Amino acid sequence: MAKRKKKQKRQEEETLVDIVEARDQATDFFEKNQNYILGGLLLAVLIFGGLFAYNNFYKKPKQQEAVKEMFQAERQFERDSFALALTNPGGGNPGFLDIIDQYGGTPAANIANYYAGISYLNLGKFDAAIEYLSDYSPAGNVTPAMKYGALGDAYSEKEDFDTALSNYKKAASASDNDLLTPYYLKKVGLLNEKMGNTSEASSYYKQIKEKYPDSPDGRDIDKYIARVNG
C-alpha cells in the first residue's frame, strides 16, 4: 500500500512538472518560431489590408498609416517589453491599445488585438488577455491555432480548466500543422492528465505518436503514454 501511494505521488509530481514545463514552453515556442509566426501575422496584415483597400478606398490610407504607426510597438513586443508595447513604445508612437482605438476596422487593428492579448498574457493579466484575444479575428491555417492556444493558456492560468481544454482542442484541430498541431495535442493531453482523465490523455498522446512522431513533441511522447498507462 505504501509503495502504491509513493508511486502515485511520484506520478502526480511528474505530471505537475510537465504542466509547468508546457506553460513555460509557450514562451520558448514563440521565441524559437518568432520569425515564422510574426511573418504569418505580417502576411495576414498585408493580404487583408490589400483586400480591404480594394473594396474601400477610404480606409486604405488608414490601414497603411496603422501599419506604419504600429512598427515601434511590434519592436517592443519582440523585445518582450510587453507593457511598453501596449501603451508607450517610445518615440511618440502609439501602442497596441492606441492602434485598436484609432484604427478600428482595419486589419492592423485586428492584429493589434492579438498582440495586446499576448502581451497581457505575458504580464499575468489574464482577463485582459482573454478580452483582446477574443476580439481578434484570425484567418488562414496558422493564426486560428495561435488564438485558441493563447486563450487556452489564459484560461488555464485562471484555473478554468474546462474552458482551457475546449480552447486547446480548437487550437489542435484548427489546421493540420506539423508544428502547431502536436504542440496543442500535447497540451490537451497534459491538461486531461492533470484533471484525472488518463484515458483521454492517453488518446491524445497516441495521436501525436501516430501522426507526428518526428515533431519536437513527438520525439519523447512515449514517456507520456507509458505514464498514463501505468
Protein backbone atom coordinates (compact mmCIF):
# COMPACT_ATOMS: atom_id res chain seq x y z
CA MET A 1 0.00 0.00 0.00
CA ALA A 2 2.82 2.39 0.96
CA LYS A 3 4.63 1.62 -2.29
CA ARG A 4 1.49 2.27 -4.33
CA LYS A 5 0.90 5.62 -2.61
CA LYS A 6 4.53 6.58 -3.12
CA LYS A 7 4.32 5.68 -6.83
CA GLN A 8 1.06 7.63 -7.24
CA LYS A 9 2.58 10.68 -5.55
CA ARG A 10 5.64 10.49 -7.83
CA GLN A 11 3.40 10.30 -10.91
CA GLU A 12 1.39 13.31 -9.74
CA GLU A 13 4.60 15.28 -9.17
CA GLU A 14 5.86 14.34 -12.66
CA THR A 15 2.57 15.45 -14.20
CA LEU A 16 2.72 18.77 -12.37
CA VAL A 17 6.27 19.33 -13.56
CA ASP A 18 5.20 18.64 -17.14
CA ILE A 19 2.24 21.04 -16.86
CA VAL A 20 4.60 23.78 -15.68
CA GLU A 21 7.06 22.91 -18.46
CA ALA A 22 4.27 23.10 -21.05
CA ARG A 23 3.25 26.53 -19.79
CA ASP A 24 6.85 27.75 -19.92
CA GLN A 25 7.27 26.26 -23.39
CA ALA A 26 4.65 28.69 -24.70
CA THR A 27 7.21 31.48 -24.39
CA ASP A 28 10.05 29.28 -25.68
CA PHE A 29 7.93 28.14 -28.60
CA PHE A 30 7.15 31.72 -29.60
CA GLU A 31 10.81 32.75 -29.32
CA LYS A 32 12.07 29.83 -31.40
CA ASN A 33 9.45 30.31 -34.09
CA GLN A 34 9.14 34.07 -33.85
CA ASN A 35 10.05 34.80 -37.47
CA TYR A 36 7.60 32.19 -38.72
CA ILE A 37 4.75 33.42 -36.51
CA LEU A 38 5.31 37.14 -36.97
CA GLY A 39 5.87 36.62 -40.67
CA GLY A 40 2.47 34.96 -40.85
CA LEU A 41 0.89 37.82 -38.98
CA LEU A 42 2.52 40.40 -41.21
CA LEU A 43 1.42 38.48 -44.29
CA ALA A 44 -2.13 38.45 -42.93
CA VAL A 45 -1.97 42.20 -42.41
CA LEU A 46 -0.74 42.79 -45.95
CA ILE A 47 -3.17 40.40 -47.63
CA PHE A 48 -6.24 41.55 -45.78
CA GLY A 49 -5.03 45.12 -45.94
CA GLY A 50 -4.92 44.81 -49.72
CA LEU A 51 -8.39 43.28 -49.96
CA PHE A 52 -9.83 45.83 -47.60
CA ALA A 53 -8.31 48.70 -49.53
CA TYR A 54 -9.55 47.31 -52.84
CA ASN A 55 -13.13 47.33 -51.56
CA ASN A 56 -12.93 50.58 -49.64
CA PHE A 57 -10.55 53.30 -50.79
CA TYR A 58 -11.32 55.45 -47.80
CA LYS A 59 -9.73 53.00 -45.39
CA LYS A 60 -6.69 52.22 -47.50
CA PRO A 61 -4.74 55.22 -46.14
CA LYS A 62 -5.82 54.32 -42.60
CA GLN A 63 -4.51 50.76 -42.98
CA GLN A 64 -1.18 51.94 -44.39
CA GLU A 65 -0.85 54.51 -41.63
CA ALA A 66 -1.74 51.98 -38.94
CA VAL A 67 0.90 49.51 -40.15
CA LYS A 68 3.50 52.26 -40.11
CA GLU A 69 2.42 53.52 -36.68
CA MET A 70 2.46 50.02 -35.16
CA PHE A 71 6.08 49.33 -36.09
CA GLN A 72 7.58 50.58 -32.82
CA ALA A 73 5.07 48.66 -30.70
CA GLU A 74 5.97 45.49 -32.61
CA ARG A 75 9.65 46.11 -31.88
CA GLN A 76 8.97 46.39 -28.17
CA PHE A 77 6.87 43.22 -28.35
CA GLU A 78 9.75 41.35 -29.97
CA ARG A 79 11.97 42.52 -27.10
CA ASP A 80 9.46 41.16 -24.56
CA SER A 81 8.77 44.73 -23.39
CA PHE A 82 5.07 43.98 -23.26
CA ALA A 83 3.93 46.87 -21.07
CA LEU A 84 5.70 49.37 -23.34
CA ALA A 85 4.29 47.69 -26.44
CA LEU A 86 0.77 48.14 -25.11
CA THR A 87 0.83 51.83 -24.25
CA ASN A 88 4.17 53.58 -24.75
CA PRO A 89 6.60 52.03 -27.23
CA GLY A 90 8.63 55.24 -27.45
CA GLY A 91 9.29 58.00 -29.93
CA GLY A 92 5.77 59.33 -29.61
CA ASN A 93 4.44 56.23 -31.37
CA PRO A 94 1.15 54.61 -30.35
CA GLY A 95 0.99 51.31 -28.51
CA PHE A 96 -1.25 48.44 -29.50
CA LEU A 97 -4.14 49.78 -27.44
CA ASP A 98 -3.98 53.11 -29.28
CA ILE A 99 -3.84 51.32 -32.64
CA ILE A 100 -7.02 49.44 -31.72
CA ASP A 101 -8.77 52.65 -30.68
CA GLN A 102 -7.57 54.88 -33.50
CA TYR A 103 -7.69 52.46 -36.43
CA GLY A 104 -10.67 50.29 -35.59
CA GLY A 105 -11.94 48.28 -38.53
CA THR A 106 -8.56 47.94 -40.20
CA PRO A 107 -6.63 44.67 -40.44
CA ALA A 108 -3.81 46.29 -38.46
CA ALA A 109 -6.15 46.97 -35.54
CA ASN A 110 -7.29 43.35 -35.73
CA ILE A 111 -3.70 42.12 -35.48
CA ALA A 112 -3.12 44.59 -32.63
CA ASN A 113 -5.83 42.74 -30.68
CA TYR A 114 -3.74 39.58 -30.91
CA TYR A 115 -0.56 41.38 -29.91
CA ALA A 116 -2.37 43.01 -26.98
CA GLY A 117 -3.79 39.69 -25.84
CA ILE A 118 -0.38 38.01 -25.88
CA SER A 119 1.17 41.00 -24.11
CA TYR A 120 -1.39 40.83 -21.30
CA LEU A 121 -0.93 37.06 -21.09
CA ASN A 122 2.80 37.54 -20.51
CA LEU A 123 2.08 40.27 -17.95
CA GLY A 124 -0.17 37.92 -15.98
CA LYS A 125 -3.35 39.92 -16.68
CA PHE A 126 -5.41 37.01 -17.87
CA ASP A 127 -8.86 38.62 -18.05
CA ALA A 128 -7.49 41.38 -20.28
CA ALA A 129 -5.69 38.76 -22.37
CA ILE A 130 -8.96 36.89 -22.89
CA GLU A 131 -10.78 40.09 -23.82
CA TYR A 132 -8.35 41.11 -26.56
CA LEU A 133 -7.73 37.61 -27.89
CA SER A 134 -11.49 37.11 -28.17
CA ASP A 135 -11.74 40.29 -30.26
CA TYR A 136 -9.07 39.04 -32.67
CA SER A 137 -10.44 37.53 -35.90
CA PRO A 138 -7.94 35.00 -37.23
CA ALA A 139 -7.63 33.79 -40.80
CA GLY A 140 -5.72 31.12 -42.66
CA ASN A 141 -4.27 27.95 -41.19
CA VAL A 142 -1.87 29.24 -38.54
CA THR A 143 -3.44 32.18 -36.73
CA PRO A 144 -6.64 30.37 -35.55
CA ALA A 145 -4.48 27.82 -33.72
CA MET A 146 -2.43 30.62 -32.19
CA LYS A 147 -5.53 32.45 -30.97
CA TYR A 148 -7.21 29.44 -29.38
CA GLY A 149 -3.93 28.17 -27.94
CA ALA A 150 -3.30 31.50 -26.23
CA LEU A 151 -6.87 31.55 -24.93
CA GLY A 152 -6.27 28.07 -23.56
CA ASP A 153 -3.18 29.33 -21.74
CA ALA A 154 -5.09 32.28 -20.25
CA TYR A 155 -7.99 30.14 -19.02
CA SER A 156 -5.56 27.55 -17.68
CA GLU A 157 -3.80 30.23 -15.65
CA LYS A 158 -7.22 31.21 -14.26
CA GLU A 159 -7.75 27.53 -13.39
CA ASP A 160 -10.82 27.38 -15.59
CA PHE A 161 -9.63 24.05 -16.93
CA ASP A 162 -12.78 23.05 -18.82
CA THR A 163 -12.68 26.23 -20.91
CA ALA A 164 -8.92 25.92 -21.32
CA LEU A 165 -9.36 22.36 -22.57
CA SER A 166 -12.01 23.45 -25.06
CA ASN A 167 -9.71 26.10 -26.49
CA TYR A 168 -6.70 23.78 -26.68
CA LYS A 169 -8.85 21.32 -28.65
CA LYS A 170 -9.86 24.11 -31.03
CA ALA A 171 -6.19 25.03 -31.45
CA ALA A 172 -5.23 21.43 -32.19
CA SER A 173 -7.99 20.99 -34.77
CA ALA A 174 -7.69 24.42 -36.40
CA SER A 175 -5.39 23.03 -39.06
CA ASP A 176 -3.14 20.09 -39.77
CA ASN A 177 0.18 21.73 -39.00
CA ASP A 178 3.25 19.60 -38.27
CA LEU A 179 4.46 22.04 -35.64
CA LEU A 180 1.37 23.54 -34.02
CA THR A 181 -0.99 20.56 -34.06
CA PRO A 182 1.14 18.17 -31.98
CA TYR A 183 2.10 21.03 -29.68
CA TYR A 184 -1.53 21.66 -28.78
CA LEU A 185 -2.46 17.98 -28.78
CA LYS A 186 0.14 17.57 -26.06
CA LYS A 187 -1.39 20.44 -24.09
CA VAL A 188 -4.79 18.74 -24.34
CA GLY A 189 -3.18 15.54 -23.07
CA LEU A 190 -1.38 17.22 -20.19
CA LEU A 191 -4.44 19.09 -19.04
CA ASN A 192 -6.58 15.95 -19.22
CA GLU A 193 -3.93 14.19 -17.18
CA LYS A 194 -3.98 16.97 -14.59
CA MET A 195 -7.77 16.67 -14.41
CA GLY A 196 -7.52 12.92 -13.84
CA ASN A 197 -8.75 11.93 -17.30
CA THR A 198 -5.94 9.49 -18.00
CA SER A 199 -7.63 7.57 -20.83
CA GLU A 200 -8.39 10.86 -22.63
CA ALA A 201 -4.80 11.99 -22.09
CA SER A 202 -3.53 8.69 -23.50
CA SER A 203 -5.63 9.04 -26.66
CA TYR A 204 -4.19 12.48 -27.42
CA TYR A 205 -0.63 11.37 -26.73
CA LYS A 206 -1.15 8.43 -29.08
CA GLN A 207 -2.39 10.78 -31.81
CA ILE A 208 0.95 12.56 -31.60
CA LYS A 209 2.84 9.27 -31.76
CA GLU A 210 0.85 8.04 -34.76
CA LYS A 211 0.61 11.24 -36.82
CA TYR A 212 3.53 13.43 -35.75
CA PRO A 213 6.33 11.13 -34.49
CA ASP A 214 9.07 13.36 -35.92
CA SER A 215 7.76 16.59 -34.44
CA PRO A 216 9.50 18.14 -31.40
CA ASP A 217 6.61 16.96 -29.21
CA GLY A 218 6.50 13.54 -30.84
CA ARG A 219 10.10 12.58 -30.13
CA ASP A 220 9.59 11.97 -26.42
CA ILE A 221 5.88 11.20 -26.37
CA ASP A 222 6.41 7.55 -25.41
CA LYS A 223 7.20 8.52 -21.81
CA TYR A 224 3.85 10.30 -21.52
CA ILE A 225 1.98 7.34 -22.97
CA ALA A 226 3.76 5.00 -20.59
CA ARG A 227 2.99 7.20 -17.60
CA VAL A 228 -0.78 7.45 -18.15
CA ASN A 229 -1.00 3.74 -18.88
CA GLY A 230 0.57 2.89 -15.54
